[in-house]
PDB file of N, CA and C in Angstrom:
ATOM      1  N   MET A   1      97.668-161.941  84.092  1.00  0.00           N
ATOM      2  CA  MET A   1      96.782-162.562  85.044  1.00  0.00           C
ATOM      3  C   MET A   1      97.319-162.400  86.445  1.00  0.00           C
ATOM      4  N   SER A   2      96.438-162.310  87.385  1.00  0.00           N
ATOM      5  CA  SER A   2      96.809-162.190  88.787  1.00  0.00           C
ATOM      6  C   SER A   2      97.206-163.545  89.356  1.00  0.00           C
ATOM      7  N   SER A   3      98.109-163.529  90.349  1.00  0.00           N
ATOM      8  CA  SER A   3      98.545-164.786  90.953  1.00  0.00           C
ATOM      9  C   SER A   3      97.767-165.097  92.227  1.00  0.00           C
ATOM     10  N   VAL A   4      96.734-164.327  92.514  1.00  0.00           N
ATOM     11  CA  VAL A   4      95.935-164.582  93.702  1.00  0.00           C
ATOM     12  C   VAL A   4      94.464-164.619  93.336  1.00  0.00           C
ATOM     13  N   ALA A   5      93.717-165.393  94.093  1.00  0.00           N
ATOM     14  CA  ALA A   5      92.267-165.445  93.893  1.00  0.00           C
ATOM     15  C   ALA A   5      91.644-164.234  94.578  1.00  0.00           C
ATOM     16  N   SER A   6      90.424-163.901  94.214  1.00  0.00           N
ATOM     17  CA  SER A   6      89.779-162.764  94.836  1.00  0.00           C
ATOM     18  C   SER A   6      89.344-163.104  96.254  1.00  0.00           C
ATOM     19  N   ALA A   7      89.268-162.080  97.086  1.00  0.00           N
ATOM     20  CA  ALA A   7      88.850-162.227  98.475  1.00  0.00           C
ATOM     21  C   ALA A   7      88.080-160.977  98.866  1.00  0.00           C
ATOM     22  N   PRO A   8      87.274-161.061  99.922  1.00  0.00           N
ATOM     23  CA  PRO A   8      86.572-159.873 100.380  1.00  0.00           C
ATOM     24  C   PRO A   8      87.554-158.749 100.701  1.00  0.00           C
ATOM     25  N   ALA A   9      87.101-157.511 100.620  1.00  0.00           N
ATOM     26  CA  ALA A   9      87.969-156.352 100.785  1.00  0.00           C
ATOM     27  C   ALA A   9      88.690-156.326 102.127  1.00  0.00           C
ATOM     28  N   ASN A  10      88.086-156.870 103.175  1.00  0.00           N
ATOM     29  CA  ASN A  10      88.701-156.812 104.500  1.00  0.00           C
ATOM     30  C   ASN A  10      89.648-157.983 104.771  1.00  0.00           C
ATOM     31  N   ARG A  11      89.864-158.847 103.803  1.00  0.00           N
ATOM     32  CA  ARG A  11      90.745-159.999 103.983  1.00  0.00           C
ATOM     33  C   ARG A  11      91.853-159.960 102.941  1.00  0.00           C
ATOM     34  N   ARG A  12      92.957-160.609 103.301  1.00  0.00           N
ATOM     35  CA  ARG A  12      94.045-160.718 102.336  1.00  0.00           C
ATOM     36  C   ARG A  12      93.640-161.692 101.239  1.00  0.00           C
ATOM     37  N   PRO A  13      94.178-161.516 100.042  1.00  0.00           N
ATOM     38  CA  PRO A  13      93.846-162.424  98.948  1.00  0.00           C
ATOM     39  C   PRO A  13      94.305-163.851  99.240  1.00  0.00           C
ATOM     40  N   VAL A  14      93.593-164.805  98.707  1.00  0.00           N
ATOM     41  CA  VAL A  14      93.963-166.216  98.845  1.00  0.00           C
ATOM     42  C   VAL A  14      95.037-166.501  97.796  1.00  0.00           C
ATOM     43  N   PRO A  15      96.192-167.003  98.232  1.00  0.00           N
ATOM     44  CA  PRO A  15      97.259-167.257  97.259  1.00  0.00           C
ATOM     45  C   PRO A  15      96.922-168.412  96.328  1.00  0.00           C
ATOM     46  N   ASP A  16      97.537-168.387  95.170  1.00  0.00           N
ATOM     47  CA  ASP A  16      97.387-169.454  94.189  1.00  0.00           C
ATOM     48  C   ASP A  16      98.558-170.419  94.367  1.00  0.00           C
ATOM     49  N   LEU A  17      98.300-171.587  94.950  1.00  0.00           N
ATOM     50  CA  LEU A  17      99.365-172.543  95.234  1.00  0.00           C
ATOM     51  C   LEU A  17     100.098-172.995  93.979  1.00  0.00           C
ATOM     52  N   GLY A  18      99.436-172.961  92.854  1.00  0.00           N
ATOM     53  CA  GLY A  18     100.066-173.378  91.615  1.00  0.00           C
ATOM     54  C   GLY A  18     101.119-172.419  91.109  1.00  0.00           C
ATOM     55  N   ARG A  19     101.075-171.188  91.554  1.00  0.00           N
ATOM     56  CA  ARG A  19     102.007-170.170  91.067  1.00  0.00           C
ATOM     57  C   ARG A  19     103.108-169.825  92.060  1.00  0.00           C
ATOM     58  N   LEU A  20     102.952-170.221  93.301  1.00  0.00           N
ATOM     59  CA  LEU A  20     103.944-169.870  94.325  1.00  0.00           C
ATOM     60  C   LEU A  20     105.113-170.846  94.329  1.00  0.00           C
ATOM     61  N   PRO A  21     106.311-170.352  94.658  1.00  0.00           N
ATOM     62  CA  PRO A  21     107.455-171.261  94.772  1.00  0.00           C
ATOM     63  C   PRO A  21     107.267-172.212  95.954  1.00  0.00           C
ATOM     64  N   ASP A  22     107.874-173.384  95.867  1.00  0.00           N
ATOM     65  CA  ASP A  22     107.740-174.402  96.906  1.00  0.00           C
ATOM     66  C   ASP A  22     108.106-173.900  98.300  1.00  0.00           C
ATOM     67  N   ASP A  23     109.088-173.015  98.392  1.00  0.00           N
ATOM     68  CA  ASP A  23     109.561-172.559  99.694  1.00  0.00           C
ATOM     69  C   ASP A  23     108.877-171.301 100.210  1.00  0.00           C
ATOM     70  N   ALA A  24     107.887-170.784  99.481  1.00  0.00           N
ATOM     71  CA  ALA A  24     107.129-169.628  99.971  1.00  0.00           C
ATOM     72  C   ALA A  24     106.403-170.029 101.246  1.00  0.00           C
ATOM     73  N   LEU A  25     106.179-169.060 102.122  1.00  0.00           N
ATOM     74  CA  LEU A  25     105.531-169.338 103.405  1.00  0.00           C
ATOM     75  C   LEU A  25     104.125-168.751 103.444  1.00  0.00           C
ATOM     76  N   LEU A  26     103.226-169.506 104.056  1.00  0.00           N
ATOM     77  CA  LEU A  26     101.833-169.090 104.233  1.00  0.00           C
ATOM     78  C   LEU A  26     101.539-169.001 105.726  1.00  0.00           C
ATOM     79  N   ASP A  27     100.591-168.137 106.101  1.00  0.00           N
ATOM     80  CA  ASP A  27     100.166-168.110 107.495  1.00  0.00           C
ATOM     81  C   ASP A  27      98.908-168.964 107.670  1.00  0.00           C
ATOM     82  N   ARG A  28      98.452-169.091 108.895  1.00  0.00           N
ATOM     83  CA  ARG A  28      97.285-169.951 109.168  1.00  0.00           C
ATOM     84  C   ARG A  28      96.034-169.476 108.454  1.00  0.00           C
ATOM     85  N   ASN A  29      95.840-168.175 108.371  1.00  0.00           N
ATOM     86  CA  ASN A  29      94.648-167.665 107.684  1.00  0.00           C
ATOM     87  C   ASN A  29      94.654-168.067 106.219  1.00  0.00           C
ATOM     88  N   GLN A  30      95.816-168.027 105.589  1.00  0.00           N
ATOM     89  CA  GLN A  30      95.912-168.402 104.184  1.00  0.00           C
ATOM     90  C   GLN A  30      95.675-169.902 103.997  1.00  0.00           C
ATOM     91  N   VAL A  31      96.269-170.721 104.876  1.00  0.00           N
ATOM     92  CA  VAL A  31      96.064-172.175 104.778  1.00  0.00           C
ATOM     93  C   VAL A  31      94.602-172.508 105.049  1.00  0.00           C
ATOM     94  N   SER A  32      93.989-171.802 105.968  1.00  0.00           N
ATOM     95  CA  SER A  32      92.573-172.005 106.254  1.00  0.00           C
ATOM     96  C   SER A  32      91.733-171.704 105.016  1.00  0.00           C
ATOM     97  N   ALA A  33      92.008-170.589 104.368  1.00  0.00           N
ATOM     98  CA  ALA A  33      91.250-170.204 103.168  1.00  0.00           C
ATOM     99  C   ALA A  33      91.463-171.204 102.032  1.00  0.00           C
ATOM    100  N   LEU A  34      92.673-171.709 101.899  1.00  0.00           N
ATOM    101  CA  LEU A  34      92.983-172.666 100.835  1.00  0.00           C
ATOM    102  C   LEU A  34      92.361-174.034 101.078  1.00  0.00           C
ATOM    103  N   SER A  35      92.341-174.461 102.335  1.00  0.00           N
ATOM    104  CA  SER A  35      91.926-175.825 102.659  1.00  0.00           C
ATOM    105  C   SER A  35      90.452-175.946 103.022  1.00  0.00           C
ATOM    106  N   GLY A  36      89.859-174.848 103.492  1.00  0.00           N
ATOM    107  CA  GLY A  36      88.473-174.912 103.950  1.00  0.00           C
ATOM    108  C   GLY A  36      88.355-175.308 105.413  1.00  0.00           C
ATOM    109  N   PHE A  37      89.474-175.588 106.071  1.00  0.00           N
ATOM    110  CA  PHE A  37      89.460-175.890 107.503  1.00  0.00           C
ATOM    111  C   PHE A  37      89.639-174.590 108.282  1.00  0.00           C
ATOM    112  N   THR A  38      89.076-174.534 109.467  1.00  0.00           N
ATOM    113  CA  THR A  38      89.162-173.313 110.268  1.00  0.00           C
ATOM    114  C   THR A  38      90.561-173.118 110.838  1.00  0.00           C
ATOM    115  N   VAL A  39      90.841-171.868 111.169  1.00  0.00           N
ATOM    116  CA  VAL A  39      92.108-171.546 111.831  1.00  0.00           C
ATOM    117  C   VAL A  39      92.186-172.303 113.153  1.00  0.00           C
ATOM    118  N   GLN A  40      91.072-172.389 113.858  1.00  0.00           N
ATOM    119  CA  GLN A  40      91.047-173.111 115.132  1.00  0.00           C
ATOM    120  C   GLN A  40      91.405-174.588 114.939  1.00  0.00           C
ATOM    121  N   ALA A  41      90.901-175.212 113.904  1.00  0.00           N
ATOM    122  CA  ALA A  41      91.246-176.614 113.634  1.00  0.00           C
ATOM    123  C   ALA A  41      92.739-176.742 113.372  1.00  0.00           C
ATOM    124  N   LEU A  42      93.309-175.828 112.581  1.00  0.00           N
ATOM    125  CA  LEU A  42      94.744-175.869 112.308  1.00  0.00           C
ATOM    126  C   LEU A  42      95.553-175.716 113.596  1.00  0.00           C
ATOM    127  N   LYS A  43      95.105-174.840 114.496  1.00  0.00           N
ATOM    128  CA  LYS A  43      95.790-174.666 115.786  1.00  0.00           C
ATOM    129  C   LYS A  43      95.733-175.945 116.610  1.00  0.00           C
ATOM    130  N   GLN A  44      94.548-176.548 116.689  1.00  0.00           N
ATOM    131  CA  GLN A  44      94.396-177.789 117.466  1.00  0.00           C
ATOM    132  C   GLN A  44      95.242-178.907 116.877  1.00  0.00           C
ATOM    133  N   TRP A  45      95.237-179.025 115.576  1.00  0.00           N
ATOM    134  CA  TRP A  45      96.031-180.070 114.928  1.00  0.00           C
ATOM    135  C   TRP A  45      97.514-179.866 115.174  1.00  0.00           C
ATOM    136  N   ALA A  46      97.964-178.615 115.204  1.00  0.00           N
ATOM    137  CA  ALA A  46      99.379-178.333 115.457  1.00  0.00           C
ATOM    138  C   ALA A  46      99.787-178.854 116.835  1.00  0.00           C
ATOM    139  N   VAL A  47      98.930-178.659 117.827  1.00  0.00           N
ATOM    140  CA  VAL A  47      99.195-179.148 119.176  1.00  0.00           C
ATOM    141  C   VAL A  47      99.233-180.675 119.193  1.00  0.00           C
ATOM    142  N   GLN A  48      98.390-181.296 118.385  1.00  0.00           N
ATOM    143  CA  GLN A  48      98.281-182.754 118.333  1.00  0.00           C
ATOM    144  C   GLN A  48      99.294-183.392 117.371  1.00  0.00           C
ATOM    145  N   GLY A  49     100.078-182.575 116.668  1.00  0.00           N
ATOM    146  CA  GLY A  49     101.036-183.104 115.702  1.00  0.00           C
ATOM    147  C   GLY A  49     100.393-183.553 114.405  1.00  0.00           C
ATOM    148  N   ARG A  50      99.229-183.006 114.100  1.00  0.00           N
ATOM    149  CA  ARG A  50      98.505-183.334 112.870  1.00  0.00           C
ATOM    150  C   ARG A  50      98.518-182.127 111.941  1.00  0.00           C
ATOM    151  N   GLY A  51      97.911-182.289 110.781  1.00  0.00           N
ATOM    152  CA  GLY A  51      97.811-181.183 109.838  1.00  0.00           C
ATOM    153  C   GLY A  51      99.099-180.977 109.076  1.00  0.00           C
ATOM    154  N   PRO A  52      99.175-179.874 108.328  1.00  0.00           N
ATOM    155  CA  PRO A  52     100.384-179.621 107.542  1.00  0.00           C
ATOM    156  C   PRO A  52     101.576-179.317 108.447  1.00  0.00           C
ATOM    157  N   ARG A  53     102.771-179.639 107.973  1.00  0.00           N
ATOM    158  CA  ARG A  53     103.996-179.378 108.721  1.00  0.00           C
ATOM    159  C   ARG A  53     104.150-177.877 108.938  1.00  0.00           C
ATOM    160  N   ILE A  54     104.573-177.506 110.136  1.00  0.00           N
ATOM    161  CA  ILE A  54     104.741-176.096 110.496  1.00  0.00           C
ATOM    162  C   ILE A  54     106.220-175.746 110.513  1.00  0.00           C
ATOM    163  N   THR A  55     106.526-174.568 110.002  1.00  0.00           N
ATOM    164  CA  THR A  55     107.848-173.967 110.105  1.00  0.00           C
ATOM    165  C   THR A  55     107.677-172.716 110.951  1.00  0.00           C
ATOM    166  N   VAL A  56     108.401-172.618 112.048  1.00  0.00           N
ATOM    167  CA  VAL A  56     108.269-171.454 112.928  1.00  0.00           C
ATOM    168  C   VAL A  56     109.280-170.396 112.497  1.00  0.00           C
ATOM    169  N   VAL A  57     108.773-169.200 112.238  1.00  0.00           N
ATOM    170  CA  VAL A  57     109.610-168.071 111.838  1.00  0.00           C
ATOM    171  C   VAL A  57     109.359-166.943 112.828  1.00  0.00           C
ATOM    172  N   GLU A  58     110.405-166.572 113.549  1.00  0.00           N
ATOM    173  CA  GLU A  58     110.303-165.520 114.572  1.00  0.00           C
ATOM    174  C   GLU A  58     109.149-165.784 115.523  1.00  0.00           C
ATOM    175  N   GLY A  59     109.003-167.042 115.912  1.00  0.00           N
ATOM    176  CA  GLY A  59     107.983-167.421 116.884  1.00  0.00           C
ATOM    177  C   GLY A  59     106.576-167.568 116.327  1.00  0.00           C
ATOM    178  N   ARG A  60     106.415-167.422 115.035  1.00  0.00           N
ATOM    179  CA  ARG A  60     105.086-167.516 114.413  1.00  0.00           C
ATOM    180  C   ARG A  60     105.009-168.730 113.494  1.00  0.00           C
ATOM    181  N   PRO A  61     103.889-169.443 113.545  1.00  0.00           N
ATOM    182  CA  PRO A  61     103.754-170.617 112.681  1.00  0.00           C
ATOM    183  C   PRO A  61     103.558-170.213 111.223  1.00  0.00           C
ATOM    184  N   ARG A  62     104.301-170.870 110.369  1.00  0.00           N
ATOM    185  CA  ARG A  62     104.163-170.667 108.930  1.00  0.00           C
ATOM    186  C   ARG A  62     104.154-172.034 108.266  1.00  0.00           C
ATOM    187  N   TYR A  63     103.597-172.077 107.086  1.00  0.00           N
ATOM    188  CA  TYR A  63     103.460-173.327 106.348  1.00  0.00           C
ATOM    189  C   TYR A  63     104.117-173.156 104.984  1.00  0.00           C
ATOM    190  N   ARG A  64     105.081-174.003 104.659  1.00  0.00           N
ATOM    191  CA  ARG A  64     105.711-173.951 103.336  1.00  0.00           C
ATOM    192  C   ARG A  64     104.683-174.407 102.296  1.00  0.00           C
ATOM    193  N   VAL A  65     104.715-173.766 101.158  1.00  0.00           N
ATOM    194  CA  VAL A  65     103.789-174.103 100.075  1.00  0.00           C
ATOM    195  C   VAL A  65     103.911-175.584  99.730  1.00  0.00           C
ATOM    196  N   ARG A  66     105.122-176.092  99.638  1.00  0.00           N
ATOM    197  CA  ARG A  66     105.339-177.518  99.303  1.00  0.00           C
ATOM    198  C   ARG A  66     104.610-178.420 100.302  1.00  0.00           C
ATOM    199  N   ASP A  67     104.769-178.152 101.600  1.00  0.00           N
ATOM    200  CA  ASP A  67     104.127-178.969 102.627  1.00  0.00           C
ATOM    201  C   ASP A  67     102.607-178.830 102.567  1.00  0.00           C
ATOM    202  N   THR A  68     102.129-177.634 102.291  1.00  0.00           N
ATOM    203  CA  THR A  68     100.685-177.395 102.202  1.00  0.00           C
ATOM    204  C   THR A  68     100.088-178.137 101.008  1.00  0.00           C
ATOM    205  N   ARG A  69     100.773-178.079  99.865  1.00  0.00           N
ATOM    206  CA  ARG A  69     100.293-178.825  98.687  1.00  0.00           C
ATOM    207  C   ARG A  69     100.205-180.307  98.992  1.00  0.00           C
ATOM    208  N   GLU A  70     101.252-180.869  99.597  1.00  0.00           N
ATOM    209  CA  GLU A  70     101.260-182.300  99.921  1.00  0.00           C
ATOM    210  C   GLU A  70     100.134-182.641 100.877  1.00  0.00           C
ATOM    211  N   TRP A  71      99.932-181.812 101.895  1.00  0.00           N
ATOM    212  CA  TRP A  71      98.902-182.079 102.892  1.00  0.00           C
ATOM    213  C   TRP A  71      97.502-181.990 102.268  1.00  0.00           C
ATOM    214  N   ILE A  72      97.256-180.948 101.478  1.00  0.00           N
ATOM    215  CA  ILE A  72      95.945-180.812 100.839  1.00  0.00           C
ATOM    216  C   ILE A  72      95.690-181.992  99.902  1.00  0.00           C
ATOM    217  N   GLY A  73      96.705-182.433  99.211  1.00  0.00           N
ATOM    218  CA  GLY A  73      96.567-183.588  98.326  1.00  0.00           C
ATOM    219  C   GLY A  73      96.270-184.876  99.066  1.00  0.00           C
ATOM    220  N   ALA A  74      96.699-184.966 100.313  1.00  0.00           N
ATOM    221  CA  ALA A  74      96.512-186.187 101.104  1.00  0.00           C
ATOM    222  C   ALA A  74      95.198-186.178 101.877  1.00  0.00           C
ATOM    223  N   VAL A  75      94.587-185.009 102.023  1.00  0.00           N
ATOM    224  CA  VAL A  75      93.358-184.897 102.835  1.00  0.00           C
ATOM    225  C   VAL A  75      92.198-185.507 102.116  1.00  0.00           C
TER     226      VAL A  75
END
């Protein structure tokens, strides 16, 4: 079985949070696809200190799978 859900050909596959390790990192597009919230909403929430916890890697926002699972569960 595949560890990712299907996605349109021009987009990256949506990861399966149940199969990823807790410390795996997701980008905003992936969190948007998983949560149903827009990338713009995630950006605004980051500025406001809301939304899932962000880990910055080489200047880019990333979201740990563990933090994303907790946040989605709390929404």
